[in-house]
Amino acid sequence: MPDSWEVLERDCERCRECALCQTRKKVAFGAGNRRAEVMLVGEGPGANEDEQGVPFVGKAGQLLDDMLAIIGLDRTKVYIANIVKCRPPGNRDPMNVEQDACIGYLYRQMALVRPKILVCLGRIAAMRLINPKFRISKDHGVWYDVDGVRTMAMYHPSALLRDEGKRPESFADLKSLQREIDRVCERTPTGWRSLLSGGPEA
């Protein structure tokens, strides 16, 4: 039976595969346009996301919105998810066992969205989706082909809140993303230009 968003979201809500289910308030499933050609993946929910059940709604999320606006994007034109759907206590990095328990849900989201471009936000997502030896300080902004999807990593917005000195590098990465969108997503009749009039689908 083909997967569906309804089944996938229900499976996430009911998940008890790791200990994070014991401390979560809400599952932060995903948000944005489910037909988007650009998908962004972070590491896991923080306190605000745990309260609201939506990825990237705290200060880091506000900065992400500002970053997307620089290149003419917003949440109606992208889909946003995380490696893990439940908040790690104290906002610590999700452990490998937690990532292993949750990664299947992300892969199912990716299969439903079918993005042409994937952006990893931060080291954890990049190590999981690009290369376990990924070094965000050295490898951010580099483009890879991962299972037929154009993939790159940027600093996580929370890292930019801690260190504003990284923002010029992130601006360059954003412009690279914009160029890749123009190159990859305008090629088909249902490509990037048509997305500009698309609406949000959480």
N, C-alpha and C. Protein backbone atom coordinates (compact mmCIF):
# COMPACT_ATOMS: atom_id res chain seq x y z
N MET A 1 0.85 -1.20 0.00
CA MET A 1 0.00 0.00 0.00
C MET A 1 0.88 1.25 0.00
N PRO A 2 0.65 2.21 -0.91
CA PRO A 2 1.47 3.40 -0.96
C PRO A 2 1.42 4.19 0.34
N ASP A 3 2.55 4.80 0.68
CA ASP A 3 2.60 5.64 1.88
C ASP A 3 1.76 6.89 1.65
N SER A 4 1.32 7.51 2.72
CA SER A 4 0.56 8.76 2.63
C SER A 4 0.98 9.65 3.79
N TRP A 5 0.72 10.96 3.63
CA TRP A 5 1.05 11.89 4.70
C TRP A 5 0.25 11.58 5.96
N GLU A 6 -0.98 11.18 5.80
CA GLU A 6 -1.82 10.90 6.97
C GLU A 6 -1.26 9.72 7.77
N VAL A 7 -0.89 8.66 7.08
CA VAL A 7 -0.33 7.48 7.75
C VAL A 7 1.00 7.83 8.39
N LEU A 8 1.84 8.54 7.67
CA LEU A 8 3.16 8.89 8.18
C LEU A 8 3.06 9.76 9.42
N GLU A 9 2.22 10.76 9.39
CA GLU A 9 2.09 11.64 10.56
C GLU A 9 1.53 10.88 11.75
N ARG A 10 0.59 9.99 11.50
CA ARG A 10 0.04 9.17 12.59
C ARG A 10 1.12 8.28 13.19
N ASP A 11 1.95 7.69 12.33
CA ASP A 11 3.02 6.83 12.81
C ASP A 11 4.00 7.61 13.68
N CYS A 12 4.31 8.83 13.27
CA CYS A 12 5.20 9.66 14.07
C CYS A 12 4.59 10.00 15.43
N GLU A 13 3.33 10.36 15.41
CA GLU A 13 2.67 10.74 16.67
C GLU A 13 2.64 9.58 17.66
N ARG A 14 2.56 8.38 17.16
CA ARG A 14 2.45 7.20 18.02
C ARG A 14 3.80 6.56 18.36
N CYS A 15 4.87 7.11 17.82
CA CYS A 15 6.18 6.45 17.91
C CYS A 15 6.66 6.32 19.36
N ARG A 16 7.18 5.14 19.67
CA ARG A 16 7.78 4.85 20.97
C ARG A 16 9.11 4.13 20.78
N GLU A 17 9.80 4.43 19.69
CA GLU A 17 10.99 3.68 19.32
C GLU A 17 12.24 4.08 20.09
N CYS A 18 12.24 5.25 20.73
CA CYS A 18 13.40 5.64 21.55
C CYS A 18 12.91 6.40 22.78
N ALA A 19 13.84 6.70 23.68
CA ALA A 19 13.48 7.30 24.97
C ALA A 19 12.97 8.73 24.85
N LEU A 20 13.17 9.39 23.72
CA LEU A 20 12.71 10.77 23.58
C LEU A 20 11.19 10.88 23.69
N CYS A 21 10.49 9.79 23.41
CA CYS A 21 9.03 9.82 23.52
C CYS A 21 8.58 10.05 24.95
N GLN A 22 9.45 9.74 25.91
CA GLN A 22 9.08 9.86 27.32
C GLN A 22 9.13 11.29 27.82
N THR A 23 9.87 12.16 27.14
CA THR A 23 10.03 13.54 27.61
C THR A 23 9.42 14.57 26.66
N ARG A 24 8.98 14.15 25.48
CA ARG A 24 8.44 15.12 24.53
C ARG A 24 7.07 15.63 24.99
N LYS A 25 6.74 16.83 24.55
CA LYS A 25 5.39 17.35 24.69
C LYS A 25 4.61 17.12 23.39
N LYS A 26 5.24 17.52 22.27
CA LYS A 26 4.62 17.30 20.96
C LYS A 26 5.68 16.83 19.98
N VAL A 27 5.26 16.04 19.02
CA VAL A 27 6.11 15.65 17.92
C VAL A 27 6.16 16.81 16.91
N ALA A 28 7.36 17.25 16.57
CA ALA A 28 7.53 18.30 15.54
C ALA A 28 7.69 17.60 14.19
N PHE A 29 6.58 17.35 13.54
CA PHE A 29 6.56 16.48 12.37
C PHE A 29 7.26 17.10 11.16
N GLY A 30 6.78 18.24 10.73
CA GLY A 30 7.32 18.91 9.55
C GLY A 30 6.41 20.06 9.19
N ALA A 31 6.87 20.94 8.31
CA ALA A 31 6.05 22.09 7.95
C ALA A 31 6.46 22.60 6.58
N GLY A 32 5.49 23.22 5.91
CA GLY A 32 5.78 23.84 4.62
C GLY A 32 4.98 23.23 3.49
N ASN A 33 5.52 23.36 2.31
CA ASN A 33 4.86 22.91 1.09
C ASN A 33 5.25 21.46 0.80
N ARG A 34 4.30 20.58 0.83
CA ARG A 34 4.59 19.15 0.64
C ARG A 34 4.89 18.80 -0.81
N ARG A 35 4.78 19.75 -1.70
CA ARG A 35 5.19 19.55 -3.09
C ARG A 35 6.43 20.36 -3.44
N ALA A 36 7.10 20.86 -2.42
CA ALA A 36 8.25 21.74 -2.65
C ALA A 36 9.39 21.00 -3.35
N GLU A 37 10.13 21.74 -4.13
CA GLU A 37 11.32 21.19 -4.77
C GLU A 37 12.57 21.42 -3.92
N VAL A 38 12.44 22.20 -2.86
CA VAL A 38 13.53 22.46 -1.94
C VAL A 38 13.12 22.00 -0.55
N MET A 39 13.94 21.15 0.06
CA MET A 39 13.65 20.64 1.40
C MET A 39 14.82 20.96 2.31
N LEU A 40 14.52 21.44 3.52
CA LEU A 40 15.53 21.77 4.50
C LEU A 40 15.40 20.83 5.69
N VAL A 41 16.54 20.33 6.18
CA VAL A 41 16.52 19.37 7.28
C VAL A 41 17.47 19.83 8.37
N GLY A 42 16.94 20.02 9.58
CA GLY A 42 17.75 20.33 10.76
C GLY A 42 17.99 19.09 11.58
N GLU A 43 18.40 19.28 12.84
CA GLU A 43 18.74 18.12 13.66
C GLU A 43 17.60 17.66 14.56
N GLY A 44 16.92 18.60 15.23
CA GLY A 44 15.85 18.20 16.12
C GLY A 44 15.15 19.40 16.73
N PRO A 45 13.99 19.19 17.32
CA PRO A 45 13.22 20.30 17.90
C PRO A 45 13.89 20.86 19.15
N GLY A 46 13.66 22.16 19.38
CA GLY A 46 14.03 22.80 20.63
C GLY A 46 12.79 22.98 21.49
N ALA A 47 12.90 23.86 22.48
CA ALA A 47 11.80 24.04 23.44
C ALA A 47 10.54 24.57 22.77
N ASN A 48 10.68 25.58 21.91
CA ASN A 48 9.50 26.15 21.25
C ASN A 48 8.85 25.15 20.31
N GLU A 49 9.67 24.39 19.60
CA GLU A 49 9.15 23.38 18.68
C GLU A 49 8.43 22.27 19.44
N ASP A 50 8.97 21.92 20.61
CA ASP A 50 8.36 20.90 21.46
C ASP A 50 6.99 21.36 21.97
N GLU A 51 6.87 22.63 22.22
CA GLU A 51 5.60 23.20 22.69
C GLU A 51 4.56 23.25 21.57
N GLN A 52 5.00 23.64 20.36
CA GLN A 52 4.06 23.90 19.27
C GLN A 52 3.91 22.74 18.29
N GLY A 53 4.88 21.82 18.29
CA GLY A 53 4.82 20.70 17.36
C GLY A 53 5.14 21.09 15.93
N VAL A 54 5.94 22.15 15.75
CA VAL A 54 6.32 22.65 14.43
C VAL A 54 7.82 22.91 14.42
N PRO A 55 8.54 22.50 13.37
CA PRO A 55 9.98 22.76 13.33
C PRO A 55 10.32 24.24 13.13
N PHE A 56 11.40 24.67 13.76
CA PHE A 56 11.97 26.00 13.53
C PHE A 56 10.96 27.12 13.77
N VAL A 57 10.49 27.24 15.00
CA VAL A 57 9.57 28.33 15.34
C VAL A 57 10.13 29.23 16.44
N GLY A 58 11.30 28.90 16.99
CA GLY A 58 11.93 29.75 17.99
C GLY A 58 12.80 30.82 17.34
N LYS A 59 13.80 31.30 18.08
CA LYS A 59 14.68 32.35 17.55
C LYS A 59 15.44 31.86 16.32
N ALA A 60 15.89 30.60 16.36
CA ALA A 60 16.58 30.05 15.19
C ALA A 60 15.64 29.98 13.99
N GLY A 61 14.38 29.66 14.25
CA GLY A 61 13.39 29.61 13.17
C GLY A 61 13.13 30.98 12.58
N GLN A 62 13.09 32.01 13.43
CA GLN A 62 12.90 33.37 12.93
C GLN A 62 14.07 33.79 12.05
N LEU A 63 15.29 33.40 12.48
CA LEU A 63 16.45 33.72 11.66
C LEU A 63 16.41 32.95 10.34
N LEU A 64 15.98 31.69 10.40
CA LEU A 64 15.85 30.91 9.16
C LEU A 64 14.87 31.58 8.20
N ASP A 65 13.76 32.07 8.71
CA ASP A 65 12.80 32.78 7.86
C ASP A 65 13.45 34.00 7.20
N ASP A 66 14.25 34.73 7.98
CA ASP A 66 14.94 35.90 7.43
C ASP A 66 15.94 35.48 6.35
N MET A 67 16.64 34.37 6.59
CA MET A 67 17.62 33.88 5.62
C MET A 67 16.93 33.48 4.32
N LEU A 68 15.81 32.78 4.43
CA LEU A 68 15.09 32.37 3.23
C LEU A 68 14.58 33.58 2.45
N ALA A 69 14.15 34.60 3.19
CA ALA A 69 13.61 35.80 2.54
C ALA A 69 14.67 36.50 1.69
N ILE A 70 15.92 36.37 2.08
CA ILE A 70 17.01 37.00 1.32
C ILE A 70 17.01 36.52 -0.13
N ILE A 71 16.65 35.25 -0.34
CA ILE A 71 16.66 34.71 -1.70
C ILE A 71 15.25 34.43 -2.21
N GLY A 72 14.28 35.14 -1.65
CA GLY A 72 12.93 35.08 -2.18
C GLY A 72 12.14 33.84 -1.80
N LEU A 73 12.54 33.17 -0.73
CA LEU A 73 11.82 31.97 -0.29
C LEU A 73 11.06 32.25 1.00
N ASP A 74 10.06 31.42 1.26
CA ASP A 74 9.40 31.39 2.55
C ASP A 74 8.83 29.99 2.75
N ARG A 75 8.11 29.79 3.80
CA ARG A 75 7.66 28.44 4.15
C ARG A 75 6.58 27.89 3.22
N THR A 76 6.05 28.72 2.35
CA THR A 76 5.11 28.21 1.36
C THR A 76 5.83 27.59 0.16
N LYS A 77 7.14 27.79 0.08
CA LYS A 77 7.90 27.33 -1.08
C LYS A 77 8.91 26.24 -0.75
N VAL A 78 9.06 25.90 0.54
CA VAL A 78 10.00 24.86 0.95
C VAL A 78 9.30 23.92 1.92
N TYR A 79 9.93 22.76 2.14
CA TYR A 79 9.44 21.87 3.20
C TYR A 79 10.56 21.73 4.23
N ILE A 80 10.21 21.80 5.51
CA ILE A 80 11.19 21.79 6.59
C ILE A 80 10.91 20.62 7.53
N ALA A 81 11.96 19.89 7.86
CA ALA A 81 11.84 18.76 8.79
C ALA A 81 13.14 18.64 9.59
N ASN A 82 13.21 17.65 10.45
CA ASN A 82 14.39 17.40 11.26
C ASN A 82 14.78 15.93 11.22
N ILE A 83 16.02 15.66 11.60
CA ILE A 83 16.48 14.28 11.71
C ILE A 83 15.67 13.52 12.75
N VAL A 84 15.45 14.13 13.92
CA VAL A 84 14.58 13.53 14.94
C VAL A 84 13.39 14.45 15.16
N LYS A 85 12.26 13.85 15.47
CA LYS A 85 11.01 14.59 15.58
C LYS A 85 10.67 15.01 17.01
N CYS A 86 11.40 14.47 17.98
CA CYS A 86 11.14 14.78 19.38
C CYS A 86 12.35 15.49 19.98
N ARG A 87 12.11 16.39 20.91
CA ARG A 87 13.18 17.21 21.46
C ARG A 87 14.12 16.41 22.37
N PRO A 88 15.42 16.43 22.08
CA PRO A 88 16.38 15.88 23.03
C PRO A 88 16.44 16.76 24.27
N PRO A 89 16.45 16.19 25.46
CA PRO A 89 16.47 17.00 26.69
C PRO A 89 17.63 18.00 26.70
N GLY A 90 17.31 19.23 27.09
CA GLY A 90 18.33 20.25 27.17
C GLY A 90 18.88 20.69 25.83
N ASN A 91 18.19 20.33 24.77
CA ASN A 91 18.64 20.67 23.40
C ASN A 91 20.00 20.07 23.06
N ARG A 92 20.35 18.97 23.69
CA ARG A 92 21.60 18.29 23.34
C ARG A 92 21.49 17.70 21.94
N ASP A 93 22.65 17.31 21.37
CA ASP A 93 22.65 16.63 20.09
C ASP A 93 21.89 15.31 20.19
N PRO A 94 21.08 14.97 19.22
CA PRO A 94 20.43 13.65 19.25
C PRO A 94 21.47 12.54 19.14
N MET A 95 21.34 11.55 19.99
CA MET A 95 22.27 10.42 19.98
C MET A 95 22.03 9.55 18.75
N ASN A 96 23.04 8.77 18.40
CA ASN A 96 22.93 7.91 17.21
C ASN A 96 21.74 6.97 17.32
N VAL A 97 21.50 6.43 18.51
CA VAL A 97 20.38 5.48 18.66
C VAL A 97 19.05 6.19 18.41
N GLU A 98 18.97 7.46 18.79
CA GLU A 98 17.75 8.25 18.56
C GLU A 98 17.60 8.58 17.08
N GLN A 99 18.71 8.93 16.46
CA GLN A 99 18.66 9.19 15.01
C GLN A 99 18.26 7.93 14.24
N ASP A 100 18.84 6.81 14.64
CA ASP A 100 18.52 5.54 13.96
C ASP A 100 17.03 5.21 14.09
N ALA A 101 16.46 5.50 15.25
CA ALA A 101 15.05 5.18 15.49
C ALA A 101 14.12 6.07 14.67
N CYS A 102 14.59 7.27 14.32
CA CYS A 102 13.71 8.27 13.71
C CYS A 102 13.97 8.51 12.23
N ILE A 103 15.13 8.12 11.73
CA ILE A 103 15.52 8.50 10.39
C ILE A 103 14.56 7.96 9.31
N GLY A 104 13.95 6.82 9.60
CA GLY A 104 13.00 6.26 8.63
C GLY A 104 11.84 7.18 8.34
N TYR A 105 11.40 7.94 9.35
CA TYR A 105 10.31 8.89 9.14
C TYR A 105 10.75 10.00 8.19
N LEU A 106 11.99 10.46 8.35
CA LEU A 106 12.50 11.49 7.45
C LEU A 106 12.60 10.96 6.03
N TYR A 107 13.10 9.75 5.87
CA TYR A 107 13.20 9.17 4.52
C TYR A 107 11.83 9.05 3.88
N ARG A 108 10.83 8.72 4.68
CA ARG A 108 9.46 8.63 4.14
C ARG A 108 8.96 10.02 3.74
N GLN A 109 9.28 11.04 4.52
CA GLN A 109 8.92 12.40 4.14
C GLN A 109 9.59 12.78 2.82
N MET A 110 10.87 12.46 2.71
CA MET A 110 11.60 12.80 1.49
C MET A 110 11.01 12.08 0.28
N ALA A 111 10.58 10.83 0.48
CA ALA A 111 9.99 10.08 -0.62
C ALA A 111 8.66 10.69 -1.07
N LEU A 112 7.92 11.27 -0.12
CA LEU A 112 6.66 11.91 -0.47
C LEU A 112 6.87 13.29 -1.10
N VAL A 113 7.80 14.06 -0.56
CA VAL A 113 8.07 15.39 -1.10
C VAL A 113 8.76 15.30 -2.46
N ARG A 114 9.74 14.39 -2.56
CA ARG A 114 10.56 14.23 -3.77
C ARG A 114 11.27 15.53 -4.15
N PRO A 115 12.07 16.09 -3.23
CA PRO A 115 12.74 17.35 -3.53
C PRO A 115 13.83 17.19 -4.59
N LYS A 116 14.09 18.25 -5.30
CA LYS A 116 15.23 18.28 -6.21
C LYS A 116 16.48 18.80 -5.51
N ILE A 117 16.27 19.59 -4.46
CA ILE A 117 17.37 20.17 -3.70
C ILE A 117 17.13 19.91 -2.21
N LEU A 118 18.19 19.46 -1.54
CA LEU A 118 18.13 19.20 -0.10
C LEU A 118 19.19 20.04 0.59
N VAL A 119 18.78 20.78 1.62
CA VAL A 119 19.71 21.61 2.38
C VAL A 119 19.77 21.10 3.81
N CYS A 120 20.95 20.67 4.22
CA CYS A 120 21.17 20.22 5.60
C CYS A 120 21.53 21.44 6.44
N LEU A 121 20.78 21.66 7.50
CA LEU A 121 21.03 22.79 8.39
C LEU A 121 21.84 22.29 9.59
N GLY A 122 23.14 22.47 9.52
CA GLY A 122 24.00 22.08 10.63
C GLY A 122 24.72 20.75 10.45
N ARG A 123 25.65 20.53 11.36
CA ARG A 123 26.56 19.38 11.30
C ARG A 123 25.83 18.04 11.41
N ILE A 124 24.87 17.93 12.32
CA ILE A 124 24.22 16.65 12.58
C ILE A 124 23.50 16.15 11.33
N ALA A 125 22.73 17.03 10.72
CA ALA A 125 22.00 16.63 9.50
C ALA A 125 22.96 16.29 8.38
N ALA A 126 24.04 17.07 8.25
CA ALA A 126 24.99 16.81 7.17
C ALA A 126 25.72 15.49 7.37
N MET A 127 26.08 15.17 8.61
CA MET A 127 26.76 13.90 8.89
C MET A 127 25.84 12.72 8.61
N ARG A 128 24.56 12.91 8.83
CA ARG A 128 23.61 11.83 8.61
C ARG A 128 23.25 11.66 7.14
N LEU A 129 23.11 12.76 6.42
CA LEU A 129 22.56 12.70 5.07
C LEU A 129 23.61 12.84 3.96
N ILE A 130 24.79 13.35 4.30
CA ILE A 130 25.82 13.52 3.28
C ILE A 130 27.01 12.60 3.52
N ASN A 131 27.65 12.74 4.69
CA ASN A 131 28.86 11.96 4.98
C ASN A 131 29.09 11.94 6.48
N PRO A 132 29.28 10.77 7.09
CA PRO A 132 29.51 10.71 8.54
C PRO A 132 30.72 11.52 9.00
N LYS A 133 31.65 11.80 8.08
CA LYS A 133 32.85 12.56 8.42
C LYS A 133 32.73 14.04 8.03
N PHE A 134 31.53 14.47 7.73
CA PHE A 134 31.30 15.85 7.30
C PHE A 134 31.76 16.83 8.37
N ARG A 135 32.48 17.86 7.93
CA ARG A 135 32.93 18.94 8.82
C ARG A 135 32.28 20.23 8.35
N ILE A 136 31.36 20.74 9.15
CA ILE A 136 30.55 21.86 8.72
C ILE A 136 31.40 23.10 8.48
N SER A 137 32.47 23.31 9.27
CA SER A 137 33.29 24.50 9.10
C SER A 137 34.06 24.48 7.78
N LYS A 138 34.36 23.29 7.27
CA LYS A 138 35.14 23.14 6.05
C LYS A 138 34.27 22.84 4.84
N ASP A 139 33.20 22.09 5.03
CA ASP A 139 32.44 21.55 3.90
C ASP A 139 31.12 22.25 3.63
N HIS A 140 30.76 23.26 4.44
CA HIS A 140 29.49 23.96 4.16
C HIS A 140 29.57 24.62 2.80
N GLY A 141 28.43 24.69 2.13
CA GLY A 141 28.36 25.35 0.83
C GLY A 141 28.81 24.51 -0.35
N VAL A 142 29.31 23.30 -0.09
CA VAL A 142 29.76 22.41 -1.16
C VAL A 142 28.56 21.58 -1.63
N TRP A 143 28.42 21.43 -2.94
CA TRP A 143 27.29 20.68 -3.49
C TRP A 143 27.66 19.22 -3.72
N TYR A 144 26.72 18.33 -3.40
CA TYR A 144 26.89 16.89 -3.58
C TYR A 144 25.65 16.35 -4.30
N ASP A 145 25.82 15.25 -4.99
CA ASP A 145 24.69 14.50 -5.52
C ASP A 145 24.46 13.30 -4.63
N VAL A 146 23.35 13.29 -3.92
CA VAL A 146 23.03 12.21 -2.98
C VAL A 146 21.75 11.54 -3.47
N ASP A 147 21.88 10.34 -4.00
CA ASP A 147 20.72 9.59 -4.51
C ASP A 147 19.91 10.43 -5.50
N GLY A 148 20.63 11.15 -6.36
CA GLY A 148 19.96 11.94 -7.39
C GLY A 148 19.42 13.27 -6.94
N VAL A 149 19.71 13.66 -5.71
CA VAL A 149 19.23 14.94 -5.18
C VAL A 149 20.43 15.86 -4.95
N ARG A 150 20.35 17.07 -5.44
CA ARG A 150 21.40 18.06 -5.21
C ARG A 150 21.35 18.47 -3.74
N THR A 151 22.47 18.29 -3.05
CA THR A 151 22.49 18.41 -1.60
C THR A 151 23.66 19.27 -1.14
N MET A 152 23.38 20.13 -0.19
CA MET A 152 24.45 20.94 0.41
C MET A 152 24.12 21.17 1.88
N ALA A 153 25.11 21.66 2.62
CA ALA A 153 24.90 21.96 4.04
C ALA A 153 25.28 23.40 4.32
N MET A 154 24.54 23.98 5.26
CA MET A 154 24.83 25.33 5.75
C MET A 154 24.93 25.28 7.26
N TYR A 155 25.48 26.33 7.85
CA TYR A 155 25.45 26.43 9.30
C TYR A 155 24.00 26.45 9.79
N HIS A 156 23.77 25.79 10.91
CA HIS A 156 22.45 25.84 11.54
C HIS A 156 22.19 27.27 12.01
N PRO A 157 20.96 27.77 11.87
CA PRO A 157 20.68 29.13 12.33
C PRO A 157 21.06 29.37 13.79
N SER A 158 20.94 28.36 14.64
CA SER A 158 21.33 28.56 16.04
C SER A 158 22.82 28.85 16.17
N ALA A 159 23.63 28.26 15.27
CA ALA A 159 25.07 28.56 15.28
C ALA A 159 25.32 30.01 14.89
N LEU A 160 24.50 30.53 14.00
CA LEU A 160 24.65 31.92 13.58
C LEU A 160 24.21 32.88 14.67
N LEU A 161 23.28 32.44 15.52
CA LEU A 161 22.89 33.26 16.67
C LEU A 161 24.02 33.32 17.69
N ARG A 162 24.76 32.24 17.81
CA ARG A 162 25.87 32.20 18.76
C ARG A 162 27.10 32.92 18.23
N ASP A 163 27.31 32.88 16.94
CA ASP A 163 28.52 33.44 16.33
C ASP A 163 28.14 34.19 15.05
N GLU A 164 27.94 35.48 15.17
CA GLU A 164 27.54 36.28 14.01
C GLU A 164 28.65 36.37 12.97
N GLY A 165 29.88 36.02 13.35
CA GLY A 165 30.98 36.04 12.41
C GLY A 165 30.82 35.04 11.28
N LYS A 166 29.95 34.04 11.47
CA LYS A 166 29.71 33.05 10.43
C LYS A 166 28.68 33.51 9.40
N ARG A 167 28.06 34.64 9.64
CA ARG A 167 26.97 35.06 8.76
C ARG A 167 27.40 35.39 7.33
N PRO A 168 28.55 36.02 7.12
CA PRO A 168 28.96 36.25 5.72
C PRO A 168 29.12 34.96 4.93
N GLU A 169 29.66 33.91 5.56
CA GLU A 169 29.78 32.62 4.87
C GLU A 169 28.40 32.06 4.55
N SER A 170 27.47 32.23 5.47
CA SER A 170 26.12 31.72 5.26
C SER A 170 25.41 32.50 4.16
N PHE A 171 25.68 33.79 4.06
CA PHE A 171 25.10 34.58 2.97
C PHE A 171 25.60 34.06 1.63
N ALA A 172 26.89 33.72 1.55
CA ALA A 172 27.43 33.16 0.32
C ALA A 172 26.78 31.82 0.00
N ASP A 173 26.53 31.01 1.03
CA ASP A 173 25.86 29.72 0.83
C ASP A 173 24.43 29.93 0.33
N LEU A 174 23.75 30.93 0.87
CA LEU A 174 22.39 31.23 0.41
C LEU A 174 22.38 31.62 -1.06
N LYS A 175 23.34 32.43 -1.47
CA LYS A 175 23.39 32.83 -2.88
C LYS A 175 23.71 31.64 -3.77
N SER A 176 24.53 30.71 -3.26
CA SER A 176 24.80 29.48 -4.01
C SER A 176 23.53 28.65 -4.14
N LEU A 177 22.75 28.60 -3.07
CA LEU A 177 21.47 27.89 -3.11
C LEU A 177 20.54 28.54 -4.13
N GLN A 178 20.50 29.84 -4.14
CA GLN A 178 19.66 30.55 -5.11
C GLN A 178 20.05 30.21 -6.54
N ARG A 179 21.34 30.17 -6.81
CA ARG A 179 21.82 29.83 -8.15
C ARG A 179 21.45 28.39 -8.51
N GLU A 180 21.54 27.49 -7.55
CA GLU A 180 21.23 26.09 -7.83
C GLU A 180 19.73 25.91 -8.07
N ILE A 181 18.92 26.66 -7.35
CA ILE A 181 17.48 26.64 -7.60
C ILE A 181 17.19 27.10 -9.02
N ASP A 182 17.83 28.18 -9.43
CA ASP A 182 17.63 28.68 -10.80
C ASP A 182 18.06 27.65 -11.83
N ARG A 183 19.14 26.93 -11.52
CA ARG A 183 19.69 25.96 -12.48
C ARG A 183 18.86 24.69 -12.54
N VAL A 184 18.47 24.17 -11.37
CA VAL A 184 17.84 22.85 -11.30
C VAL A 184 16.32 22.90 -11.41
N CYS A 185 15.72 23.90 -10.81
CA CYS A 185 14.27 23.87 -10.65
C CYS A 185 13.50 24.58 -11.74
N GLU A 186 14.15 25.26 -12.65
CA GLU A 186 13.42 25.92 -13.74
C GLU A 186 13.32 25.04 -14.97
N ARG A 187 13.88 23.85 -14.92
CA ARG A 187 13.98 23.04 -16.13
C ARG A 187 12.69 22.36 -16.54
N THR A 188 11.76 22.16 -15.61
CA THR A 188 10.54 21.43 -15.92
C THR A 188 9.33 22.34 -15.84
N PRO A 189 8.22 21.98 -16.53
CA PRO A 189 7.02 22.81 -16.48
C PRO A 189 6.45 22.96 -15.08
N THR A 190 6.70 21.98 -14.21
CA THR A 190 6.20 22.06 -12.83
C THR A 190 7.30 22.50 -11.89
N GLY A 191 8.27 23.23 -12.39
CA GLY A 191 9.45 23.58 -11.62
C GLY A 191 9.28 24.82 -10.78
N TRP A 192 10.41 25.51 -10.62
CA TRP A 192 10.49 26.56 -9.61
C TRP A 192 9.50 27.69 -9.85
N ARG A 193 9.33 28.11 -11.09
CA ARG A 193 8.44 29.25 -11.34
C ARG A 193 7.02 28.96 -10.89
N SER A 194 6.55 27.74 -11.10
CA SER A 194 5.19 27.41 -10.70
C SER A 194 5.05 27.38 -9.19
N LEU A 195 6.16 27.10 -8.48
CA LEU A 195 6.10 27.07 -7.02
C LEU A 195 5.84 28.45 -6.43
N LEU A 196 6.20 29.47 -7.17
CA LEU A 196 6.06 30.83 -6.63
C LEU A 196 4.60 31.16 -6.32
N SER A 197 3.67 30.47 -6.97
CA SER A 197 2.26 30.72 -6.69
C SER A 197 1.65 29.62 -5.83
N GLY A 198 2.48 28.67 -5.35
CA GLY A 198 1.96 27.57 -4.55
C GLY A 198 1.67 28.01 -3.13
N GLY A 199 0.75 27.30 -2.49
CA GLY A 199 0.39 27.63 -1.10
C GLY A 199 1.00 26.65 -0.12
N PRO A 200 0.93 26.94 1.17
CA PRO A 200 1.52 26.09 2.19
C PRO A 200 0.68 24.83 2.42
N GLU A 201 1.38 23.75 2.72
CA GLU A 201 0.71 22.52 3.11
C GLU A 201 1.49 21.92 4.26
N ALA A 202 1.01 22.09 5.48
CA ALA A 202 1.78 21.66 6.66
C ALA A 202 1.81 20.16 6.77
